[in-house]
Structures are given as structure tokens and as C-alpha cells.
Amino acid sequence: MNIKNRKIGVLYRHFPDWIGGTIYIFNVLKAIDLLAEKGSNLPKIILFISRNDVDKLEFDFPNLEYEIVYYDINGFQSIINKICIKLGFKQIFENIYNISLDFIFPVFTNWKFFKKTPIENQFYWIPDFQCFHLPSLFTNEDIAERKKLYEWTIDSTKNLVLSSNAVKSDLFSLYPNKSFPNLHVLRFATFNEYPNKVDQKTYGINRPYFICPNQFWGHKNQIAILNAIKFLEAELLPFQIVFTGKEHDPRNPLHFQSIIKPEMENVFVKNNVLFLGFIDRDVQLSLIDQSIALIQPSKFEGWSTVIEDGMFFNKPIIATDLEVNQEQLGNLGFFFNSDDFIKLSELMKLVFDSNIRHVEYEYKTKQLKFGKDFLDLIEK
């Protein structure tokens, strides 16, 4: 079948506590839009979205032909269903898309909404296996539920999409007795706009600065940067550290208060570090663009949105030596062990003192490859 005539579905979901997942799906749409701009012969996209999320997505796809389909029932239908259940009857309205699709991505569970679509046309996505690497971040119930979902996905689906070769290695290691006839690795690229330049002084920035735009979840490991600053033992460094991101960890609500906040009273931290909290995305991107370099100190990643943001702006990136970070950056990154804050401090000084301010990642090529890789999934 000509790809132009295929029914292609993309499922958009807004994850308030996992913004990287939301950005991933948005970037899929932007990649297809870029290919359309370049003249590729593309199918119409059916964009599945919740009524609650439609106002959270900026529909900036000028070259893309798409149709919006809500995957949830409306308020009136929901009321009728509740009345039926109270009266002891089956609910009348179901979330079912009654047309068979040739392709739908990303699917996460055996969701009845797509039951008209053959399983071989449903492409399931596993972003990572974090619960195996950092079990302390999860309850026993969460781990059991995730493992159950992984088992079902691996045993039941025909097409499995992973975010990186590092996740692929995990899959083979964790499930050595399973077979994976249709396994795909889809490494995403980000599609930011070049933002208006914000005034740094508005945010207390008065020197060149490194930026760490992670949420304050325990495994994001911002404490390594604070320890590196304390190790440098300078009341006033020639540079600052700027943190952005939510200060609440839903899995460990006390993390910021018990681990990060006490460090804010240290004189070296107080004089050299800024905590901006959760800020507007455009402001965050402008601050990344104006920074010396980006630091990604995380102890675990599936494929880092933060690193992609830094690469988009051609920033030097100092990152932990995770297999996935090295896959993402190749030989263009500056790497340290997540527990080695002394090495981190040395890399910060190296980047600052050697005046490294630009790294060429050929990012437009990376964006096009992401789009073409996605089309390859559809054509297969």
C-alpha cells in the first residue's frame, strides 16, 4: 500500500510528572512536519488526544495534514455511564476507535480503545527499565506492576519500540529467554524554537553560568553539582550555577527539603548557585541558549531531553558516563561518574577556562534522521 493512503495514528498524552514523555511525542509530530516541509510524500496523521489535554498542545505543525480524534468520552456520555452503572446496567458509551489503523504509536498498554486495530499495527514503546536500575525509587507494588506490564508487552506485541541501544541492551539482559522479531530503536531529536533573549539580571544572574534544567527528582542527582561547588571552595566563583525545574519529587516528596535545601545555606552554594524553580519553557530555553554549558548529572536516563536541548543550541554538555548519555553525545560530551563530584568540578573549570562555548552537533541532520527513522517504522 502506498504510504500516502495509510491510516496513521499518533497518540498524544500529557504527563504532568514526566514532561520528557510529553516532549517525546510532540517531537514525533514535529519530525513528520519537517519531512512534509522538505516535500516528502506523507500520509494524513490521525492525532489521538484527550479532551483534557487538547489545550496543552501547541498545534504548530504548518506542513502536516492531520485530524484530531478524542480518545475519551465527553462529559454528557460520562454522566449517562455513571447512571447506568448505578442502576445496575452496563455502561452505554465506550472509548473505542471503530476504524482499523495501519499504524498507531506510541501504545503503552492493552488499551481497548484501539481494539479494532490489529496488534501487528500497534507499536508499543518502552522508554526505559528504570525500576530495575533504581528500585529504591519505587514501591514494591509499583515495581510488580511495571514488571507485569513489561512481560505482557514483550509477550503480546508484534512491534516494540525502544528509545536507545542502551535500553535495547537492558531488554536482552533482563529477558534473555524472550524473542523479539520486530524490535525498533527510535532515538528522538528535539524541535525547539529559538526563543527571545531574556534578561539574565531578572533572574539574579550576574556572571557566566552553567545550567542544569532538571526536575529535582532524587535520581537527577543535582547534589553532585552542589558538592562540586563546595569542593571548589570559592566564595565568589567566576561563574554561577543555575538550576531550573520542579522542586517536588512525586516518588520522594521529602527529597528537596531534606537533601537539597540544607545545602542552600552553605556559603559557597549561597553565593554561586541560583534555584529558579519551575519556569516557563521559553525562558528555560533562552537560559540554556545563553549559558556557558549544560550539566546533566543524572544517575539514570532512557534518552535525555535535557541533553537534546543542549545539543539543539550547540552547547558543551557535561554529563554522567551512563551508557545512554555516551550513545547520545558520542565523543562530543564531557563525562564523569555520577558520584565523582571532584571530576565534575574539574570539567566545569576545564570548559570555563578553555573558553569552550560552542560544539557542532549538526542538529538539523539529526532532526531529519529522526523523522526518516519514524517513517521507516510506518513503511515496515
Protein backbone atom coordinates (compact mmCIF):
# COMPACT_ATOMS: atom_id res chain seq x y z
CA MET A 1 0.00 0.00 0.00
CA ASN A 2 1.23 3.49 -0.86
CA ILE A 3 2.25 5.23 2.36
CA LYS A 4 0.10 8.21 1.36
CA ASN A 5 -3.03 6.03 1.65
CA ARG A 6 -2.26 4.55 5.04
CA LYS A 7 -4.20 5.42 8.19
CA ILE A 8 -1.50 6.56 10.62
CA GLY A 9 -2.28 7.30 14.26
CA VAL A 10 -0.15 9.17 16.80
CA LEU A 11 -1.26 9.08 20.42
CA TYR A 12 -0.55 12.31 22.30
CA ARG A 13 -0.69 12.19 26.08
CA HIS A 14 0.26 14.87 28.59
CA PHE A 15 2.30 13.56 31.53
CA PRO A 16 2.44 16.30 34.22
CA ASP A 17 5.08 14.40 36.23
CA TRP A 18 7.07 13.18 33.21
CA ILE A 19 7.44 16.09 30.84
CA GLY A 20 10.10 14.20 28.85
CA GLY A 21 7.46 11.70 27.71
CA THR A 22 5.18 14.51 26.57
CA ILE A 23 8.01 16.23 24.68
CA TYR A 24 8.96 12.93 23.02
CA ILE A 25 5.54 12.59 21.37
CA PHE A 26 5.46 16.28 20.41
CA ASN A 27 8.83 15.81 18.73
CA VAL A 28 7.47 12.87 16.71
CA LEU A 29 4.87 15.23 15.24
CA LYS A 30 7.47 17.96 14.60
CA ALA A 31 9.73 15.44 12.84
CA ILE A 32 6.92 14.43 10.47
CA ASP A 33 6.13 18.11 9.91
CA LEU A 34 9.77 18.78 8.97
CA LEU A 35 9.72 15.95 6.41
CA ALA A 36 6.50 17.38 4.95
CA GLU A 37 8.24 20.75 4.64
CA LYS A 38 11.03 19.02 2.71
CA GLY A 39 8.49 17.62 0.24
CA SER A 40 8.18 14.04 1.48
CA ASN A 41 5.05 12.16 0.38
CA LEU A 42 3.35 11.69 3.75
CA PRO A 43 0.05 10.27 4.95
CA LYS A 44 -2.55 12.19 6.87
CA ILE A 45 -2.00 11.80 10.61
CA ILE A 46 -4.84 10.94 12.97
CA LEU A 47 -3.88 12.62 16.23
CA PHE A 48 -5.48 10.95 19.24
CA ILE A 49 -5.72 13.22 22.26
CA SER A 50 -7.72 13.63 25.46
CA ARG A 51 -10.23 16.45 25.70
CA ASN A 52 -8.36 17.49 28.86
CA ASP A 53 -5.03 17.73 27.02
CA VAL A 54 -6.01 19.48 23.81
CA ASP A 55 -5.28 22.93 25.25
CA LYS A 56 -1.82 21.76 26.43
CA LEU A 57 -0.51 21.00 22.94
CA GLU A 58 0.67 23.82 20.71
CA PHE A 59 -0.55 22.80 17.26
CA ASP A 60 2.47 24.22 15.46
CA PHE A 61 2.57 21.81 12.51
CA PRO A 62 2.08 24.06 9.46
CA ASN A 63 3.11 21.44 6.89
CA LEU A 64 1.32 18.46 8.40
CA GLU A 65 -2.11 17.23 7.37
CA TYR A 66 -3.81 15.86 10.47
CA GLU A 67 -7.19 15.12 12.03
CA ILE A 68 -7.91 15.29 15.77
CA VAL A 69 -9.80 12.42 17.39
CA TYR A 70 -10.63 12.48 21.10
CA TYR A 71 -9.93 9.17 22.80
CA ASP A 72 -12.10 9.91 25.84
CA ILE A 73 -15.87 10.24 26.05
CA ASN A 74 -17.44 13.65 26.65
CA GLY A 75 -18.98 14.89 29.89
CA PHE A 76 -22.56 14.03 28.95
CA GLN A 77 -21.63 10.48 27.96
CA SER A 78 -19.73 10.07 31.23
CA ILE A 79 -22.82 11.10 33.25
CA ILE A 80 -25.00 8.61 31.33
CA ASN A 81 -22.47 5.84 32.01
CA LYS A 82 -22.46 6.60 35.75
CA ILE A 83 -26.28 6.49 35.85
CA CYS A 84 -26.28 3.14 34.03
CA ILE A 85 -23.77 1.67 36.48
CA LYS A 86 -25.80 2.94 39.48
CA LEU A 87 -28.91 1.27 38.04
CA GLY A 88 -27.04 -2.00 37.58
CA PHE A 89 -26.71 -1.82 33.79
CA LYS A 90 -23.65 -1.92 31.55
CA GLN A 91 -22.32 1.47 30.56
CA ILE A 92 -23.51 2.59 27.14
CA PHE A 93 -20.55 4.59 25.88
CA GLU A 94 -17.07 3.12 25.40
CA ASN A 95 -13.76 4.60 24.36
CA ILE A 96 -13.34 2.62 21.14
CA TYR A 97 -11.98 3.84 17.82
CA ASN A 98 -14.03 1.85 15.31
CA ILE A 99 -11.68 2.12 12.33
CA SER A 100 -8.70 -0.16 11.86
CA LEU A 101 -5.42 1.73 11.64
CA ASP A 102 -2.38 0.75 9.61
CA PHE A 103 -0.11 2.15 12.32
CA ILE A 104 -0.51 3.58 15.83
CA PHE A 105 2.29 4.85 18.09
CA PRO A 106 3.08 5.05 20.97
CA VAL A 107 0.93 2.46 22.71
CA PHE A 108 1.68 1.61 26.35
CA THR A 109 -0.89 -0.98 27.45
CA ASN A 110 -3.53 -3.33 26.02
CA TRP A 111 -5.90 -0.43 25.60
CA LYS A 112 -9.37 -1.38 24.30
CA PHE A 113 -9.66 1.99 22.50
CA PHE A 114 -7.65 0.51 19.60
CA LYS A 115 -9.18 -2.99 19.66
CA LYS A 116 -10.29 -2.63 16.01
CA THR A 117 -6.63 -2.22 15.02
CA PRO A 118 -4.67 -5.49 14.57
CA ILE A 119 -1.95 -5.99 17.17
CA GLU A 120 0.71 -6.08 14.42
CA ASN A 121 -0.19 -2.46 13.58
CA GLN A 122 0.20 -1.29 17.18
CA PHE A 123 3.71 -0.10 18.03
CA TYR A 124 4.40 -0.28 21.76
CA TRP A 125 7.01 1.93 23.39
CA ILE A 126 9.21 1.11 26.38
CA PRO A 127 11.18 4.28 27.28
CA ASP A 128 13.44 2.58 29.84
CA PHE A 129 13.73 -0.02 32.62
CA GLN A 130 14.36 2.38 35.47
CA CYS A 131 12.72 0.23 38.15
CA PHE A 132 15.38 -2.47 37.60
CA HIS A 133 18.26 0.01 37.92
CA LEU A 134 16.94 2.15 40.76
CA PRO A 135 14.43 0.02 42.69
CA SER A 136 14.72 2.28 45.74
CA LEU A 137 12.72 4.93 43.85
CA PHE A 138 9.67 2.68 43.62
CA THR A 139 7.31 0.89 45.96
CA ASN A 140 7.19 -2.90 45.76
CA GLU A 141 3.70 -2.58 44.26
CA ASP A 142 4.95 -0.17 41.57
CA ILE A 143 7.81 -2.49 40.65
CA ALA A 144 5.50 -5.52 40.45
CA GLU A 145 3.03 -3.60 38.27
CA ARG A 146 5.76 -2.37 35.91
CA LYS A 147 7.31 -5.81 35.57
CA LYS A 148 3.89 -7.26 34.83
CA LEU A 149 3.35 -4.64 32.12
CA TYR A 150 6.80 -5.30 30.61
CA GLU A 151 6.08 -9.05 30.50
CA TRP A 152 2.70 -8.53 28.86
CA THR A 153 4.13 -6.09 26.31
CA ILE A 154 7.03 -8.37 25.38
CA ASP A 155 4.84 -11.50 25.12
CA SER A 156 1.85 -9.96 23.37
CA THR A 157 3.03 -7.29 20.97
CA LYS A 158 4.41 -7.70 17.47
CA ASN A 159 6.31 -4.39 17.31
CA LEU A 160 8.33 -2.98 20.16
CA VAL A 161 9.96 0.47 20.05
CA LEU A 162 12.83 1.42 22.38
CA SER A 163 14.44 4.81 22.98
CA SER A 164 18.09 3.81 22.68
CA ASN A 165 20.55 0.99 22.18
CA ALA A 166 21.22 1.21 25.91
CA VAL A 167 17.58 0.28 26.59
CA LYS A 168 17.92 -2.47 23.97
CA SER A 169 20.90 -3.90 25.88
CA ASP A 170 18.81 -3.84 29.06
CA LEU A 171 16.00 -5.68 27.29
CA PHE A 172 18.28 -8.51 26.15
CA SER A 173 19.91 -8.70 29.58
CA LEU A 174 16.65 -8.71 31.56
CA TYR A 175 14.75 -11.06 29.25
CA PRO A 176 17.39 -13.41 27.80
CA ASN A 177 14.89 -16.17 27.00
CA LYS A 178 12.47 -13.96 25.05
CA SER A 179 12.43 -13.40 21.31
CA PHE A 180 11.94 -10.02 19.65
CA PRO A 181 11.10 -10.45 15.96
CA ASN A 182 10.24 -6.78 15.35
CA LEU A 183 12.38 -4.64 17.59
CA HIS A 184 12.97 -0.98 16.69
CA VAL A 185 15.19 1.72 18.21
CA LEU A 186 13.85 5.24 17.70
CA ARG A 187 16.21 7.91 19.05
CA PHE A 188 14.40 11.21 19.17
CA ALA A 189 15.62 14.70 18.41
CA THR A 190 14.04 17.82 19.85
CA PHE A 191 12.35 20.61 17.90
CA ASN A 192 12.68 23.82 19.87
CA GLU A 193 12.11 27.34 18.62
CA TYR A 194 14.85 29.91 19.07
CA PRO A 195 13.39 31.93 21.95
CA ASN A 196 13.53 35.66 22.58
CA LYS A 197 16.56 36.54 24.65
CA VAL A 198 15.53 37.01 28.29
CA ASP A 199 17.26 39.46 30.60
CA GLN A 200 19.54 37.40 32.84
CA LYS A 201 19.51 40.03 35.58
CA THR A 202 15.77 39.45 36.03
CA TYR A 203 16.68 36.01 37.36
CA GLY A 204 19.63 37.10 39.52
CA ILE A 205 22.26 36.02 37.01
CA ASN A 206 25.28 38.31 37.15
CA ARG A 207 28.06 36.13 35.72
CA PRO A 208 28.57 33.50 33.02
CA TYR A 209 26.78 30.35 34.17
CA PHE A 210 26.32 26.62 33.79
CA ILE A 211 22.72 25.44 33.66
CA CYS A 212 21.08 22.27 34.94
CA PRO A 213 17.43 22.21 33.77
CA ASN A 214 16.27 19.04 35.54
CA GLN A 215 13.38 18.48 37.87
CA PHE A 216 14.53 17.82 41.43
CA TRP A 217 13.89 14.09 41.49
CA GLY A 218 16.33 12.08 43.59
CA HIS A 219 17.97 10.28 40.68
CA LYS A 220 18.58 13.55 38.81
CA ASN A 221 21.47 13.96 41.25
CA GLN A 222 21.75 17.76 41.50
CA ILE A 223 23.58 17.16 44.78
CA ALA A 224 26.69 16.24 42.72
CA ILE A 225 26.82 19.80 41.35
CA LEU A 226 26.41 21.32 44.82
CA ASN A 227 29.21 19.10 46.14
CA ALA A 228 31.41 20.19 43.21
CA ILE A 229 30.77 23.85 44.06
CA LYS A 230 31.65 23.26 47.71
CA PHE A 231 34.82 21.43 46.65
CA LEU A 232 35.97 24.47 44.68
CA GLU A 233 35.81 26.45 47.95
CA ALA A 234 35.41 29.87 46.42
CA GLU A 235 33.09 32.41 47.98
CA LEU A 236 32.72 34.01 44.58
CA LEU A 237 33.44 31.88 41.52
CA PRO A 238 33.91 33.44 38.06
CA PHE A 239 30.72 31.58 37.07
CA GLN A 240 27.35 30.68 38.54
CA ILE A 241 25.20 27.54 38.55
CA VAL A 242 21.55 27.94 37.52
CA PHE A 243 19.02 25.24 38.39
CA THR A 244 15.54 25.13 36.89
CA GLY A 245 12.80 22.55 37.42
CA LYS A 246 10.09 21.46 39.82
CA GLU A 247 11.30 21.10 43.36
CA HIS A 248 8.83 18.30 44.15
CA ASP A 249 9.63 14.64 43.61
CA PRO A 250 6.32 12.73 43.49
CA ARG A 251 8.06 9.49 44.47
CA ASN A 252 10.11 11.09 47.25
CA PRO A 253 8.34 14.27 48.42
CA LEU A 254 10.97 14.99 51.08
CA HIS A 255 13.95 14.89 48.72
CA PHE A 256 14.28 18.62 48.10
CA GLN A 257 13.62 19.60 51.71
CA SER A 258 15.93 17.01 53.26
CA ILE A 259 18.79 16.81 50.71
CA ILE A 260 18.89 20.00 48.65
CA LYS A 261 17.55 22.74 50.89
CA PRO A 262 20.11 22.29 53.72
CA GLU A 263 22.89 22.77 51.15
CA MET A 264 21.44 26.15 50.16
CA GLU A 265 22.73 27.58 53.45
CA ASN A 266 26.33 26.75 52.64
CA VAL A 267 28.21 29.97 51.86
CA PHE A 268 29.77 28.63 48.64
CA VAL A 269 26.38 27.45 47.42
CA LYS A 270 24.54 30.59 48.52
CA ASN A 271 26.92 32.90 46.65
CA ASN A 272 27.29 30.89 43.45
CA VAL A 273 24.07 28.97 42.86
CA LEU A 274 20.57 30.07 41.78
CA PHE A 275 17.41 27.99 42.18
CA LEU A 276 14.79 29.30 39.75
CA GLY A 277 12.19 26.57 40.23
CA PHE A 278 9.70 25.63 37.51
CA ILE A 279 9.80 28.38 34.89
CA ASP A 280 8.19 28.96 31.51
CA ARG A 281 9.61 26.67 28.82
CA ASP A 282 10.59 29.60 26.57
CA VAL A 283 12.50 31.22 29.43
CA GLN A 284 14.24 27.95 30.20
CA LEU A 285 15.30 27.53 26.56
CA SER A 286 16.59 31.10 26.41
CA LEU A 287 18.67 30.50 29.53
CA ILE A 288 20.08 27.29 28.02
CA ASP A 289 20.95 29.21 24.87
CA GLN A 290 22.80 31.91 26.83
CA SER A 291 24.65 29.54 29.18
CA ILE A 292 28.31 28.51 29.11
CA ALA A 293 27.35 24.84 29.06
CA LEU A 294 24.70 22.40 30.24
CA ILE A 295 25.22 19.87 33.04
CA GLN A 296 23.30 16.59 33.16
CA PRO A 297 24.27 14.87 36.45
CA SER A 298 21.56 12.18 36.37
CA LYS A 299 22.07 8.65 37.68
CA PHE A 300 19.68 7.21 35.11
CA GLU A 301 18.15 8.18 31.76
CA GLY A 302 16.26 6.45 28.94
CA TRP A 303 17.12 9.18 26.41
CA SER A 304 17.70 12.61 27.87
CA THR A 305 15.51 15.50 26.74
CA VAL A 306 17.84 17.82 28.65
CA ILE A 307 20.83 16.66 26.59
CA GLU A 308 18.86 17.08 23.37
CA ASP A 309 18.00 20.66 24.40
CA GLY A 310 21.69 21.37 24.95
CA MET A 311 22.64 19.84 21.60
CA PHE A 312 19.95 21.87 19.81
CA PHE A 313 21.70 25.06 20.99
CA ASN A 314 25.19 23.66 20.28
CA LYS A 315 26.16 23.87 23.95
CA PRO A 316 29.06 21.99 25.53
CA ILE A 317 27.49 19.27 27.69
CA ILE A 318 28.93 17.81 30.87
CA ALA A 319 27.11 14.55 31.62
CA THR A 320 27.37 11.41 33.68
CA ASP A 321 29.07 8.49 31.95
CA LEU A 322 25.87 6.47 31.58
CA GLU A 323 25.87 4.22 28.53
CA VAL A 324 22.87 6.10 27.12
CA ASN A 325 24.50 9.53 27.60
CA GLN A 326 27.57 8.34 25.72
CA GLU A 327 25.35 6.92 22.97
CA GLN A 328 23.59 10.28 22.75
CA LEU A 329 26.68 12.52 22.75
CA GLY A 330 29.34 10.27 21.23
CA ASN A 331 32.81 11.76 21.58
CA LEU A 332 31.46 15.31 21.88
CA GLY A 333 30.49 15.11 25.56
CA PHE A 334 32.44 15.70 28.78
CA PHE A 335 31.77 12.71 31.05
CA PHE A 336 32.08 11.96 34.77
CA ASN A 337 30.91 9.24 37.15
CA SER A 338 27.71 10.31 38.90
CA ASP A 339 29.38 10.03 42.34
CA ASP A 340 32.63 11.77 41.35
CA PHE A 341 31.91 15.42 42.11
CA ILE A 342 35.66 16.18 42.05
CA LYS A 343 35.84 15.14 38.37
CA LEU A 344 32.73 17.23 37.74
CA SER A 345 34.40 20.29 39.29
CA GLU A 346 37.46 19.72 37.07
CA LEU A 347 35.31 19.51 33.94
CA MET A 348 33.49 22.71 34.86
CA LYS A 349 36.83 24.50 35.25
CA LEU A 350 38.12 22.97 32.01
CA VAL A 351 35.12 24.15 29.98
CA PHE A 352 35.16 27.59 31.56
CA ASP A 353 38.93 28.21 31.42
CA SER A 354 39.40 26.91 27.87
CA ASN A 355 36.56 29.16 26.66
CA ILE A 356 34.68 26.26 25.03
CA ARG A 357 31.30 27.78 24.20
CA HIS A 358 30.15 26.02 21.02
CA VAL A 359 30.02 22.38 19.93
CA GLU A 360 28.79 21.48 16.44
CA TYR A 361 26.30 18.60 16.60
CA GLU A 362 24.84 19.04 13.06
CA TYR A 363 21.45 19.05 14.68
CA LYS A 364 19.32 19.66 11.58
CA THR A 365 20.68 16.40 10.18
CA LYS A 366 19.76 14.68 13.44
CA GLN A 367 16.19 16.02 13.23
CA LEU A 368 15.77 14.77 9.66
CA LYS A 369 17.11 11.34 10.60
CA PHE A 370 14.58 11.10 13.43
CA GLY A 371 11.74 11.83 11.00
CA LYS A 372 13.04 9.33 8.43
CA ASP A 373 13.51 6.66 11.11
CA PHE A 374 9.90 7.19 12.16
CA LEU A 375 8.70 6.82 8.55
CA ASP A 376 10.73 3.62 8.31
CA LEU A 377 8.61 2.24 11.17
CA ILE A 378 5.45 3.04 9.23
CA GLU A 379 6.74 1.51 5.99
CA LYS A 380 7.78 -1.71 7.74
